[in-house]
Amino acid sequence: MSENHYLKAFKGNWELIVTLVLIATVISLAISVLQTSEYEAKLRVLVIQSQRGQMDPYRAAQSAEFLANLLSKVIYSSSFRAHVQESSFNFDRSILNGSSKNVIDAWKKQISVKVVGDTGILEINAFSHDRDQATELARSVANVFVQNGQEYYGQDSEVQIRVLDDALASDSPVRPNLWRNIILGAFLGLALGYFIGWIRENRG
């Protein structure tokens, strides 16, 4: 199919395309505005495996990375959430109440943990409608790692977990991503409008 045919499909249906772009953009904007705005707090902890016996630096680093990956998974366990619930930090604990499935779903939305590259560094991301509470939630999770980490990797005195960077909260809400949603809505409207126009031209 020639380039002129595609251009004709656009020119012949530009009013429809523009209308659908505007409608999709407005819908995306409305959905974004109706969602609860959330701030993000980031904090990093470092898992340290001391070099003992014949363990060389490379193996110590590998061990730290393995433990960091392990800890990034146990954060979603009921025992970990119980420690967070019992902590002295000031955040909204309603996300930890309710049925098991609802609690897990809410917890996964409010907390994410990932290992930074091939290291023993864990990055904790906490989300909340309140900037200070996002900070407190991130600190609470880090505190459980530091104080109760041995429950998950064993009573190994050669392993230490330390806070590398204290929690830093975003200055403005990060969720929902307003501009991303608007651009995505406009793109979908454009694609739908052009597709309908293309069908019209082919039928004609």
C-alpha atoms as a PDB file:
ATOM      1  CA  MET A   1       0.000   0.000   0.000  1.00  0.00           C
ATOM      2  CA  SER A   2       1.447   3.370  -1.031  1.00  0.00           C
ATOM      3  CA  GLU A   3       2.423   6.191   1.285  1.00  0.00           C
ATOM      4  CA  ASN A   4      -0.168   8.399  -0.418  1.00  0.00           C
ATOM      5  CA  HIS A   5      -2.902   5.983   0.635  1.00  0.00           C
ATOM      6  CA  TYR A   6      -1.911   6.273   4.293  1.00  0.00           C
ATOM      7  CA  LEU A   7      -1.737  10.055   4.000  1.00  0.00           C
ATOM      8  CA  LYS A   8      -5.143  10.105   2.362  1.00  0.00           C
ATOM      9  CA  ALA A   9      -6.590   8.043   5.217  1.00  0.00           C
ATOM     10  CA  PHE A  10      -5.282  10.645   7.660  1.00  0.00           C
ATOM     11  CA  LYS A  11      -6.355  13.736   5.724  1.00  0.00           C
ATOM     12  CA  GLY A  12      -9.791  12.365   4.950  1.00  0.00           C
ATOM     13  CA  ASN A  13     -10.542  11.596   8.581  1.00  0.00           C
ATOM     14  CA  TRP A  14      -8.583  14.232  10.472  1.00  0.00           C
ATOM     15  CA  GLU A  15     -11.662  15.550  12.287  1.00  0.00           C
ATOM     16  CA  LEU A  16     -12.461  12.076  13.622  1.00  0.00           C
ATOM     17  CA  ILE A  17      -8.837  11.512  14.614  1.00  0.00           C
ATOM     18  CA  VAL A  18      -8.569  14.845  16.446  1.00  0.00           C
ATOM     19  CA  THR A  19     -11.881  14.200  18.210  1.00  0.00           C
ATOM     20  CA  LEU A  20     -10.791  10.765  19.423  1.00  0.00           C
ATOM     21  CA  VAL A  21      -7.420  12.137  20.563  1.00  0.00           C
ATOM     22  CA  LEU A  22      -9.171  14.826  22.616  1.00  0.00           C
ATOM     23  CA  ILE A  23     -11.685  12.369  24.088  1.00  0.00           C
ATOM     24  CA  ALA A  24      -8.982   9.854  25.043  1.00  0.00           C
ATOM     25  CA  THR A  25      -6.830  12.631  26.539  1.00  0.00           C
ATOM     26  CA  VAL A  26      -9.700  13.974  28.646  1.00  0.00           C
ATOM     27  CA  ILE A  27     -10.590  10.467  29.869  1.00  0.00           C
ATOM     28  CA  SER A  28      -6.956   9.792  30.823  1.00  0.00           C
ATOM     29  CA  LEU A  29      -6.772  13.120  32.641  1.00  0.00           C
ATOM     30  CA  ALA A  30     -10.025  12.461  34.509  1.00  0.00           C
ATOM     31  CA  ILE A  31      -8.919   8.990  35.609  1.00  0.00           C
ATOM     32  CA  SER A  32      -5.570  10.371  36.803  1.00  0.00           C
ATOM     33  CA  VAL A  33      -7.195  13.205  38.763  1.00  0.00           C
ATOM     34  CA  LEU A  34      -9.653  10.835  40.458  1.00  0.00           C
ATOM     35  CA  GLN A  35      -6.863   8.555  41.678  1.00  0.00           C
ATOM     36  CA  THR A  36      -5.246   9.193  45.059  1.00  0.00           C
ATOM     37  CA  SER A  37      -1.942  11.009  44.675  1.00  0.00           C
ATOM     38  CA  GLU A  38       1.001   9.260  46.315  1.00  0.00           C
ATOM     39  CA  TYR A  39       4.500  10.327  47.305  1.00  0.00           C
ATOM     40  CA  GLU A  40       7.517   8.045  47.089  1.00  0.00           C
ATOM     41  CA  ALA A  41      10.292   7.633  49.642  1.00  0.00           C
ATOM     42  CA  LYS A  42      13.516   5.849  48.712  1.00  0.00           C
ATOM     43  CA  LEU A  43      15.975   4.295  51.124  1.00  0.00           C
ATOM     44  CA  ARG A  44      18.930   1.964  50.613  1.00  0.00           C
ATOM     45  CA  VAL A  45      20.430  -0.653  52.897  1.00  0.00           C
ATOM     46  CA  LEU A  46      23.661  -2.573  52.435  1.00  0.00           C
ATOM     47  CA  VAL A  47      24.120  -6.274  53.156  1.00  0.00           C
ATOM     48  CA  ILE A  48      27.711  -6.974  54.213  1.00  0.00           C
ATOM     49  CA  GLN A  49      29.234 -10.454  54.254  1.00  0.00           C
ATOM     50  CA  SER A  50      32.481 -10.376  56.214  1.00  0.00           C
ATOM     51  CA  GLN A  51      35.430 -12.286  54.773  1.00  0.00           C
ATOM     52  CA  ARG A  52      35.999 -15.237  57.045  1.00  0.00           C
ATOM     53  CA  GLY A  53      38.409 -18.139  56.794  1.00  0.00           C
ATOM     54  CA  GLN A  54      39.273 -18.802  53.164  1.00  0.00           C
ATOM     55  CA  MET A  55      36.479 -16.616  51.757  1.00  0.00           C
ATOM     56  CA  ASP A  56      37.891 -14.180  49.216  1.00  0.00           C
ATOM     57  CA  PRO A  57      36.369 -10.745  48.420  1.00  0.00           C
ATOM     58  CA  TYR A  58      34.594 -12.068  45.311  1.00  0.00           C
ATOM     59  CA  ARG A  59      32.819 -14.862  47.188  1.00  0.00           C
ATOM     60  CA  ALA A  60      31.937 -12.466  50.005  1.00  0.00           C
ATOM     61  CA  ALA A  61      30.350 -10.108  47.463  1.00  0.00           C
ATOM     62  CA  GLN A  62      28.445 -13.009  45.881  1.00  0.00           C
ATOM     63  CA  SER A  63      27.164 -14.080  49.288  1.00  0.00           C
ATOM     64  CA  ALA A  64      25.996 -10.529  50.052  1.00  0.00           C
ATOM     65  CA  GLU A  65      24.177 -10.376  46.713  1.00  0.00           C
ATOM     66  CA  PHE A  66      22.498 -13.732  47.396  1.00  0.00           C
ATOM     67  CA  LEU A  67      21.307 -12.569  50.820  1.00  0.00           C
ATOM     68  CA  ALA A  68      20.063  -9.276  49.370  1.00  0.00           C
ATOM     69  CA  ASN A  69      17.982 -11.196  46.818  1.00  0.00           C
ATOM     70  CA  LEU A  70      16.620 -13.394  49.592  1.00  0.00           C
ATOM     71  CA  LEU A  71      15.615 -10.408  51.711  1.00  0.00           C
ATOM     72  CA  SER A  72      13.923  -8.739  48.736  1.00  0.00           C
ATOM     73  CA  LYS A  73      11.532 -11.722  48.646  1.00  0.00           C
ATOM     74  CA  VAL A  74      10.806 -12.161  52.365  1.00  0.00           C
ATOM     75  CA  ILE A  75       9.524  -8.588  52.602  1.00  0.00           C
ATOM     76  CA  TYR A  76       6.150  -9.886  51.385  1.00  0.00           C
ATOM     77  CA  SER A  77       5.915 -12.600  54.053  1.00  0.00           C
ATOM     78  CA  SER A  78       3.438 -12.405  56.932  1.00  0.00           C
ATOM     79  CA  SER A  79       6.226 -12.512  59.524  1.00  0.00           C
ATOM     80  CA  PHE A  80       7.947  -9.514  57.946  1.00  0.00           C
ATOM     81  CA  ARG A  81       4.693  -7.542  57.840  1.00  0.00           C
ATOM     82  CA  ALA A  82       4.124  -8.411  61.503  1.00  0.00           C
ATOM     83  CA  HIS A  83       7.482  -6.862  62.419  1.00  0.00           C
ATOM     84  CA  VAL A  84       6.594  -3.728  60.457  1.00  0.00           C
ATOM     85  CA  GLN A  85       3.214  -3.613  62.210  1.00  0.00           C
ATOM     86  CA  GLU A  86       4.924  -3.769  65.611  1.00  0.00           C
ATOM     87  CA  SER A  87       7.491  -1.080  64.812  1.00  0.00           C
ATOM     88  CA  SER A  88       7.413   2.331  66.477  1.00  0.00           C
ATOM     89  CA  PHE A  89       7.409   4.303  63.237  1.00  0.00           C
ATOM     90  CA  ASN A  90       4.476   6.585  62.465  1.00  0.00           C
ATOM     91  CA  PHE A  91       2.633   5.468  59.334  1.00  0.00           C
ATOM     92  CA  ASP A  92      -0.879   4.396  58.377  1.00  0.00           C
ATOM     93  CA  ARG A  93      -1.194   0.757  59.465  1.00  0.00           C
ATOM     94  CA  SER A  94      -4.570   0.256  57.793  1.00  0.00           C
ATOM     95  CA  ILE A  95      -2.758  -1.350  54.845  1.00  0.00           C
ATOM     96  CA  LEU A  96      -1.770  -4.162  57.227  1.00  0.00           C
ATOM     97  CA  ASN A  97      -5.330  -4.857  58.371  1.00  0.00           C
ATOM     98  CA  GLY A  98      -8.011  -6.921  56.661  1.00  0.00           C
ATOM     99  CA  SER A  99      -8.145 -10.253  54.866  1.00  0.00           C
ATOM    100  CA  SER A 100      -4.880 -11.915  53.913  1.00  0.00           C
ATOM    101  CA  LYS A 101      -5.259 -11.386  50.148  1.00  0.00           C
ATOM    102  CA  ASN A 102      -6.265  -7.732  50.494  1.00  0.00           C
ATOM    103  CA  VAL A 103      -3.348  -7.062  52.831  1.00  0.00           C
ATOM    104  CA  ILE A 104      -0.853  -8.668  50.455  1.00  0.00           C
ATOM    105  CA  ASP A 105      -2.208  -6.724  47.467  1.00  0.00           C
ATOM    106  CA  ALA A 106      -2.135  -3.434  49.386  1.00  0.00           C
ATOM    107  CA  TRP A 107       1.353  -4.152  50.727  1.00  0.00           C
ATOM    108  CA  LYS A 108       2.724  -4.847  47.246  1.00  0.00           C
ATOM    109  CA  LYS A 109       1.318  -1.520  46.058  1.00  0.00           C
ATOM    110  CA  GLN A 110       2.857   0.411  48.945  1.00  0.00           C
ATOM    111  CA  ILE A 111       6.271  -1.260  49.125  1.00  0.00           C
ATOM    112  CA  SER A 112       8.758  -2.462  46.544  1.00  0.00           C
ATOM    113  CA  VAL A 113      12.294  -3.692  47.112  1.00  0.00           C
ATOM    114  CA  LYS A 114      14.924  -4.422  44.492  1.00  0.00           C
ATOM    115  CA  VAL A 115      18.580  -5.377  44.459  1.00  0.00           C
ATOM    116  CA  VAL A 116      20.766  -2.716  42.855  1.00  0.00           C
ATOM    117  CA  GLY A 117      22.758  -4.385  40.083  1.00  0.00           C
ATOM    118  CA  ASP A 118      25.034  -7.245  41.110  1.00  0.00           C
ATOM    119  CA  THR A 119      25.528  -5.897  44.619  1.00  0.00           C
ATOM    120  CA  GLY A 120      24.350  -6.411  48.172  1.00  0.00           C
ATOM    121  CA  ILE A 121      22.485  -3.098  48.096  1.00  0.00           C
ATOM    122  CA  LEU A 122      18.715  -3.136  48.564  1.00  0.00           C
ATOM    123  CA  GLU A 123      16.646  -0.171  47.408  1.00  0.00           C
ATOM    124  CA  ILE A 124      13.394   0.251  49.318  1.00  0.00           C
ATOM    125  CA  ASN A 125      10.583   2.258  47.716  1.00  0.00           C
ATOM    126  CA  ALA A 126       7.599   3.199  49.868  1.00  0.00           C
ATOM    127  CA  PHE A 127       4.458   4.974  48.663  1.00  0.00           C
ATOM    128  CA  SER A 128       1.843   6.903  50.610  1.00  0.00           C
ATOM    129  CA  HIS A 129      -0.647   9.730  50.165  1.00  0.00           C
ATOM    130  CA  ASP A 130       1.354  11.589  52.818  1.00  0.00           C
ATOM    131  CA  ARG A 131       5.011  12.502  52.230  1.00  0.00           C
ATOM    132  CA  ASP A 132       6.061  12.014  55.856  1.00  0.00           C
ATOM    133  CA  GLN A 133       4.289   8.677  56.124  1.00  0.00           C
ATOM    134  CA  ALA A 134       6.054   7.405  53.004  1.00  0.00           C
ATOM    135  CA  THR A 135       9.339   8.273  54.723  1.00  0.00           C
ATOM    136  CA  GLU A 136       8.320   6.555  57.954  1.00  0.00           C
ATOM    137  CA  LEU A 137       7.166   3.437  56.112  1.00  0.00           C
ATOM    138  CA  ALA A 138      10.490   3.139  54.264  1.00  0.00           C
ATOM    139  CA  ARG A 139      12.383   3.554  57.544  1.00  0.00           C
ATOM    140  CA  SER A 140      10.218   0.928  59.216  1.00  0.00           C
ATOM    141  CA  VAL A 141      11.022  -1.636  56.511  1.00  0.00           C
ATOM    142  CA  ALA A 142      14.739  -0.837  56.732  1.00  0.00           C
ATOM    143  CA  ASN A 143      14.603  -1.165  60.507  1.00  0.00           C
ATOM    144  CA  VAL A 144      13.147  -4.682  60.230  1.00  0.00           C
ATOM    145  CA  PHE A 145      15.978  -5.641  57.889  1.00  0.00           C
ATOM    146  CA  VAL A 146      18.560  -4.332  60.351  1.00  0.00           C
ATOM    147  CA  GLN A 147      16.981  -5.613  63.570  1.00  0.00           C
ATOM    148  CA  ASN A 148      15.350  -8.867  62.423  1.00  0.00           C
ATOM    149  CA  GLY A 149      17.302  -9.860  59.334  1.00  0.00           C
ATOM    150  CA  GLN A 150      18.891 -12.851  61.075  1.00  0.00           C
ATOM    151  CA  GLU A 151      15.496 -14.547  61.215  1.00  0.00           C
ATOM    152  CA  TYR A 152      15.677 -14.954  57.440  1.00  0.00           C
ATOM    153  CA  TYR A 153      19.333 -15.756  56.762  1.00  0.00           C
ATOM    154  CA  GLY A 154      20.255 -17.542  60.017  1.00  0.00           C
ATOM    155  CA  GLN A 155      22.209 -16.576  63.098  1.00  0.00           C
ATOM    156  CA  ASP A 156      25.307 -15.569  61.175  1.00  0.00           C
ATOM    157  CA  SER A 157      27.353 -13.008  63.074  1.00  0.00           C
ATOM    158  CA  GLU A 158      29.467 -12.456  59.958  1.00  0.00           C
ATOM    159  CA  VAL A 159      26.552 -10.782  58.144  1.00  0.00           C
ATOM    160  CA  GLN A 160      25.620  -7.177  58.799  1.00  0.00           C
ATOM    161  CA  ILE A 161      22.858  -4.998  57.402  1.00  0.00           C
ATOM    162  CA  ARG A 162      23.304  -1.256  57.545  1.00  0.00           C
ATOM    163  CA  VAL A 163      21.313   1.718  56.330  1.00  0.00           C
ATOM    164  CA  LEU A 164      23.299   3.142  53.445  1.00  0.00           C
ATOM    165  CA  ASP A 165      21.089   6.130  52.582  1.00  0.00           C
ATOM    166  CA  ASP A 166      18.308   7.446  54.794  1.00  0.00           C
ATOM    167  CA  ALA A 167      14.805   7.817  53.379  1.00  0.00           C
ATOM    168  CA  LEU A 168      14.372  10.631  50.881  1.00  0.00           C
ATOM    169  CA  ALA A 169      10.820  11.500  49.858  1.00  0.00           C
ATOM    170  CA  SER A 170       9.769  13.038  46.557  1.00  0.00           C
ATOM    171  CA  ASP A 171       8.798  16.717  46.624  1.00  0.00           C
ATOM    172  CA  SER A 172       5.630  16.050  44.639  1.00  0.00           C
ATOM    173  CA  PRO A 173       3.388  13.009  44.070  1.00  0.00           C
ATOM    174  CA  VAL A 174       4.795  10.375  41.719  1.00  0.00           C
ATOM    175  CA  ARG A 175       1.598   8.345  41.300  1.00  0.00           C
ATOM    176  CA  PRO A 176      -0.383   8.610  39.181  1.00  0.00           C
ATOM    177  CA  ASN A 177       2.035   9.826  36.506  1.00  0.00           C
ATOM    178  CA  LEU A 178      -0.156  12.548  35.009  1.00  0.00           C
ATOM    179  CA  TRP A 179       1.890  13.391  31.918  1.00  0.00           C
ATOM    180  CA  ARG A 180       2.549   9.763  31.041  1.00  0.00           C
ATOM    181  CA  ASN A 181      -1.165   8.971  31.250  1.00  0.00           C
ATOM    182  CA  ILE A 182      -2.091  11.987  29.114  1.00  0.00           C
ATOM    183  CA  ILE A 183       0.470  11.100  26.433  1.00  0.00           C
ATOM    184  CA  LEU A 184      -0.628   7.462  26.473  1.00  0.00           C
ATOM    185  CA  GLY A 185      -4.286   8.483  26.164  1.00  0.00           C
ATOM    186  CA  ALA A 186      -3.513  10.820  23.260  1.00  0.00           C
ATOM    187  CA  PHE A 187      -1.509   8.106  21.500  1.00  0.00           C
ATOM    188  CA  LEU A 188      -4.307   5.552  21.897  1.00  0.00           C
ATOM    189  CA  GLY A 189      -6.828   8.078  20.575  1.00  0.00           C
ATOM    190  CA  LEU A 190      -4.581   8.800  17.595  1.00  0.00           C
ATOM    191  CA  ALA A 191      -4.096   5.105  16.852  1.00  0.00           C
ATOM    192  CA  LEU A 192      -7.813   4.357  17.132  1.00  0.00           C
ATOM    193  CA  GLY A 193      -8.772   7.341  14.988  1.00  0.00           C
ATOM    194  CA  TYR A 194      -6.284   6.468  12.276  1.00  0.00           C
ATOM    195  CA  PHE A 195      -7.348   2.810  12.319  1.00  0.00           C
ATOM    196  CA  ILE A 196     -11.009   3.756  11.823  1.00  0.00           C
ATOM    197  CA  GLY A 197     -10.021   6.189   9.068  1.00  0.00           C
ATOM    198  CA  TRP A 198      -7.926   3.523   7.347  1.00  0.00           C
ATOM    199  CA  ILE A 199     -10.875   1.096   7.407  1.00  0.00           C
ATOM    200  CA  ARG A 200     -13.141   3.764   5.929  1.00  0.00           C
ATOM    201  CA  GLU A 201     -10.728   4.464   3.091  1.00  0.00           C
ATOM    202  CA  ASN A 202     -10.331   0.776   2.276  1.00  0.00           C
ATOM    203  CA  ARG A 203     -14.063   0.227   2.249  1.00  0.00           C
ATOM    204  CA  GLY A 204     -14.437   3.233   0.001  1.00  0.00           C
END
